[in-house]
C-alpha atoms as a PDB file:
ATOM      1  CA  MET A   1      -0.879  25.700 -19.208  1.00  0.00           C
ATOM      2  CA  PRO A   2      -3.003  25.813 -22.231  1.00  0.00           C
ATOM      3  CA  ILE A   3      -1.715  28.197 -25.838  1.00  0.00           C
ATOM      4  CA  ILE A   4      -4.396  31.077 -26.176  1.00  0.00           C
ATOM      5  CA  PRO A   5      -5.865  30.840 -29.822  1.00  0.00           C
ATOM      6  CA  ASP A   6      -3.768  33.622 -30.914  1.00  0.00           C
ATOM      7  CA  ALA A   7      -1.096  31.930 -29.315  1.00  0.00           C
ATOM      8  CA  LYS A   8      -0.816  29.720 -32.225  1.00  0.00           C
ATOM      9  CA  LYS A   9       0.381  31.342 -35.089  1.00  0.00           C
ATOM     10  CA  ASP A  10       3.067  31.903 -33.632  1.00  0.00           C
ATOM     11  CA  ILE A  11       5.024  28.880 -33.001  1.00  0.00           C
ATOM     12  CA  LYS A  12       8.517  28.370 -33.916  1.00  0.00           C
ATOM     13  CA  ASP A  13       9.818  23.963 -34.017  1.00  0.00           C
ATOM     14  CA  LEU A  14      14.224  23.360 -33.791  1.00  0.00           C
ATOM     15  CA  ILE A  15      15.674  20.473 -33.452  1.00  0.00           C
ATOM     16  CA  VAL A  16      18.692  20.918 -30.853  1.00  0.00           C
ATOM     17  CA  ALA A  17      20.722  17.684 -30.594  1.00  0.00           C
ATOM     18  CA  GLY A  18      18.571  15.892 -32.292  1.00  0.00           C
ATOM     19  CA  CYS A  19      15.917  16.235 -29.830  1.00  0.00           C
ATOM     20  CA  ARG A  20      12.258  18.201 -30.622  1.00  0.00           C
ATOM     21  CA  VAL A  21      11.911  21.498 -29.342  1.00  0.00           C
ATOM     22  CA  GLN A  22       8.486  23.625 -30.022  1.00  0.00           C
ATOM     23  CA  LEU A  23       8.343  27.433 -28.348  1.00  0.00           C
ATOM     24  CA  PHE A  24       5.047  29.515 -28.350  1.00  0.00           C
ATOM     25  CA  PHE A  25       5.733  33.196 -28.716  1.00  0.00           C
ATOM     26  CA  ARG A  26       2.810  35.483 -26.139  1.00  0.00           C
ATOM     27  CA  ALA A  27       2.775  39.024 -26.483  1.00  0.00           C
ATOM     28  CA  ILE A  28       1.204  40.285 -22.918  1.00  0.00           C
ATOM     29  CA  GLU A  29       0.585  43.037 -21.559  1.00  0.00           C
ATOM     30  CA  ARG A  30       2.753  46.490 -22.315  1.00  0.00           C
ATOM     31  CA  GLY A  31       3.788  44.692 -24.807  1.00  0.00           C
ATOM     32  CA  GLN A  32       6.519  42.051 -23.218  1.00  0.00           C
ATOM     33  CA  TRP A  33       6.991  38.500 -24.283  1.00  0.00           C
ATOM     34  CA  THR A  34       6.982  36.021 -23.043  1.00  0.00           C
ATOM     35  CA  VAL A  35       7.404  31.903 -24.465  1.00  0.00           C
ATOM     36  CA  GLN A  36       7.062  28.501 -23.486  1.00  0.00           C
ATOM     37  CA  GLY A  37       8.507  25.909 -24.705  1.00  0.00           C
ATOM     38  CA  THR A  38       8.740  22.129 -25.219  1.00  0.00           C
ATOM     39  CA  VAL A  39      11.751  20.206 -24.902  1.00  0.00           C
ATOM     40  CA  ARG A  40      10.645  16.338 -27.157  1.00  0.00           C
ATOM     41  CA  CYS A  41      13.378  13.927 -27.325  1.00  0.00           C
ATOM     42  CA  GLY A  42      13.259   9.747 -27.371  1.00  0.00           C
ATOM     43  CA  VAL A  43      11.957   7.431 -29.338  1.00  0.00           C
ATOM     44  CA  ASP A  44       8.252   4.677 -28.321  1.00  0.00           C
ATOM     45  CA  ASP A  45       8.569   4.109 -24.524  1.00  0.00           C
ATOM     46  CA  HIS A  46      11.904   5.539 -24.305  1.00  0.00           C
ATOM     47  CA  ALA A  47      10.318   9.072 -25.149  1.00  0.00           C
ATOM     48  CA  ALA A  48      11.049  11.873 -22.592  1.00  0.00           C
ATOM     49  CA  GLU A  49       9.306  15.836 -22.128  1.00  0.00           C
ATOM     50  CA  GLN A  50       9.570  18.265 -20.574  1.00  0.00           C
ATOM     51  CA  SER A  51       8.646  22.197 -20.401  1.00  0.00           C
ATOM     52  CA  PHE A  52       9.664  25.251 -19.306  1.00  0.00           C
ATOM     53  CA  CYS A  53       8.985  28.745 -19.153  1.00  0.00           C
ATOM     54  CA  THR A  54      10.598  32.076 -20.038  1.00  0.00           C
ATOM     55  CA  ALA A  55       9.931  35.798 -17.773  1.00  0.00           C
ATOM     56  CA  SER A  56       9.132  38.163 -19.558  1.00  0.00           C
ATOM     57  CA  TYR A  57      11.046  40.709 -21.714  1.00  0.00           C
ATOM     58  CA  PRO A  58      11.342  43.998 -23.902  1.00  0.00           C
ATOM     59  CA  THR A  59      11.514  42.158 -26.635  1.00  0.00           C
ATOM     60  CA  ARG A  60      10.082  38.781 -29.079  1.00  0.00           C
ATOM     61  CA  GLU A  61      14.347  38.173 -29.499  1.00  0.00           C
ATOM     62  CA  GLU A  62      14.958  38.552 -26.270  1.00  0.00           C
ATOM     63  CA  ALA A  63      12.203  35.810 -24.183  1.00  0.00           C
ATOM     64  CA  GLU A  64      13.665  33.744 -28.003  1.00  0.00           C
ATOM     65  CA  GLN A  65      17.681  34.213 -27.128  1.00  0.00           C
ATOM     66  CA  GLU A  66      16.485  32.935 -23.307  1.00  0.00           C
ATOM     67  CA  ALA A  67      13.635  29.856 -24.543  1.00  0.00           C
ATOM     68  CA  LEU A  68      16.763  28.757 -26.187  1.00  0.00           C
ATOM     69  CA  LYS A  69      18.821  28.984 -23.639  1.00  0.00           C
ATOM     70  CA  GLN A  70      16.374  27.154 -21.049  1.00  0.00           C
ATOM     71  CA  ALA A  71      15.894  24.050 -23.416  1.00  0.00           C
ATOM     72  CA  ALA A  72      19.785  24.368 -24.034  1.00  0.00           C
ATOM     73  CA  ASP A  73      20.247  23.137 -20.062  1.00  0.00           C
ATOM     74  CA  LEU A  74      16.929  20.505 -20.606  1.00  0.00           C
ATOM     75  CA  LEU A  75      19.645  19.242 -22.449  1.00  0.00           C
ATOM     76  CA  GLY A  76      22.462  19.375 -21.800  1.00  0.00           C
ATOM     77  CA  ASN A  77      25.875  18.277 -23.040  1.00  0.00           C
ATOM     78  CA  ASN A  78      24.998  15.848 -25.292  1.00  0.00           C
ATOM     79  CA  VAL A  79      27.675  14.755 -27.518  1.00  0.00           C
ATOM     80  CA  ASP A  80      27.582  14.000 -30.671  1.00  0.00           C
ATOM     81  CA  ARG A  81      29.255   9.659 -30.705  1.00  0.00           C
ATOM     82  CA  ASN A  82      30.696  10.690 -33.722  1.00  0.00           C
ATOM     83  CA  THR A  83      32.815  13.411 -32.332  1.00  0.00           C
ATOM     84  CA  SER A  84      34.367  12.247 -29.320  1.00  0.00           C
ATOM     85  CA  ARG A  85      36.251  13.602 -27.460  1.00  0.00           C
ATOM     86  CA  ILE A  86      37.612  10.275 -26.731  1.00  0.00           C
ATOM     87  CA  ILE A  87      40.796   9.557 -30.019  1.00  0.00           C
ATOM     88  CA  ASN A  88      41.422   5.811 -30.849  1.00  0.00           C
ATOM     89  CA  TRP A  89      44.780   5.114 -31.670  1.00  0.00           C
ATOM     90  CA  ASN A  90      44.433   2.422 -34.109  1.00  0.00           C
END
């Protein structure tokens, strides 16, 4: 879905679990908000991108919370190698 020029003013860039997450906020009819998002992970030939969109919500904050939940769901249960649950007894 193309971004409306006015929507370019309301963009949030985040890094979640080492991946770039970009949220595009849009005010729609009757004061409702929706968010289009993109999750980008990897580098060069191993890069992947997934897009998502929230339903409409009565506030921008509620739409953002849902967008962050969807982004987290797309990222899955990534665990940093430095915080692995495997114990090294050496």
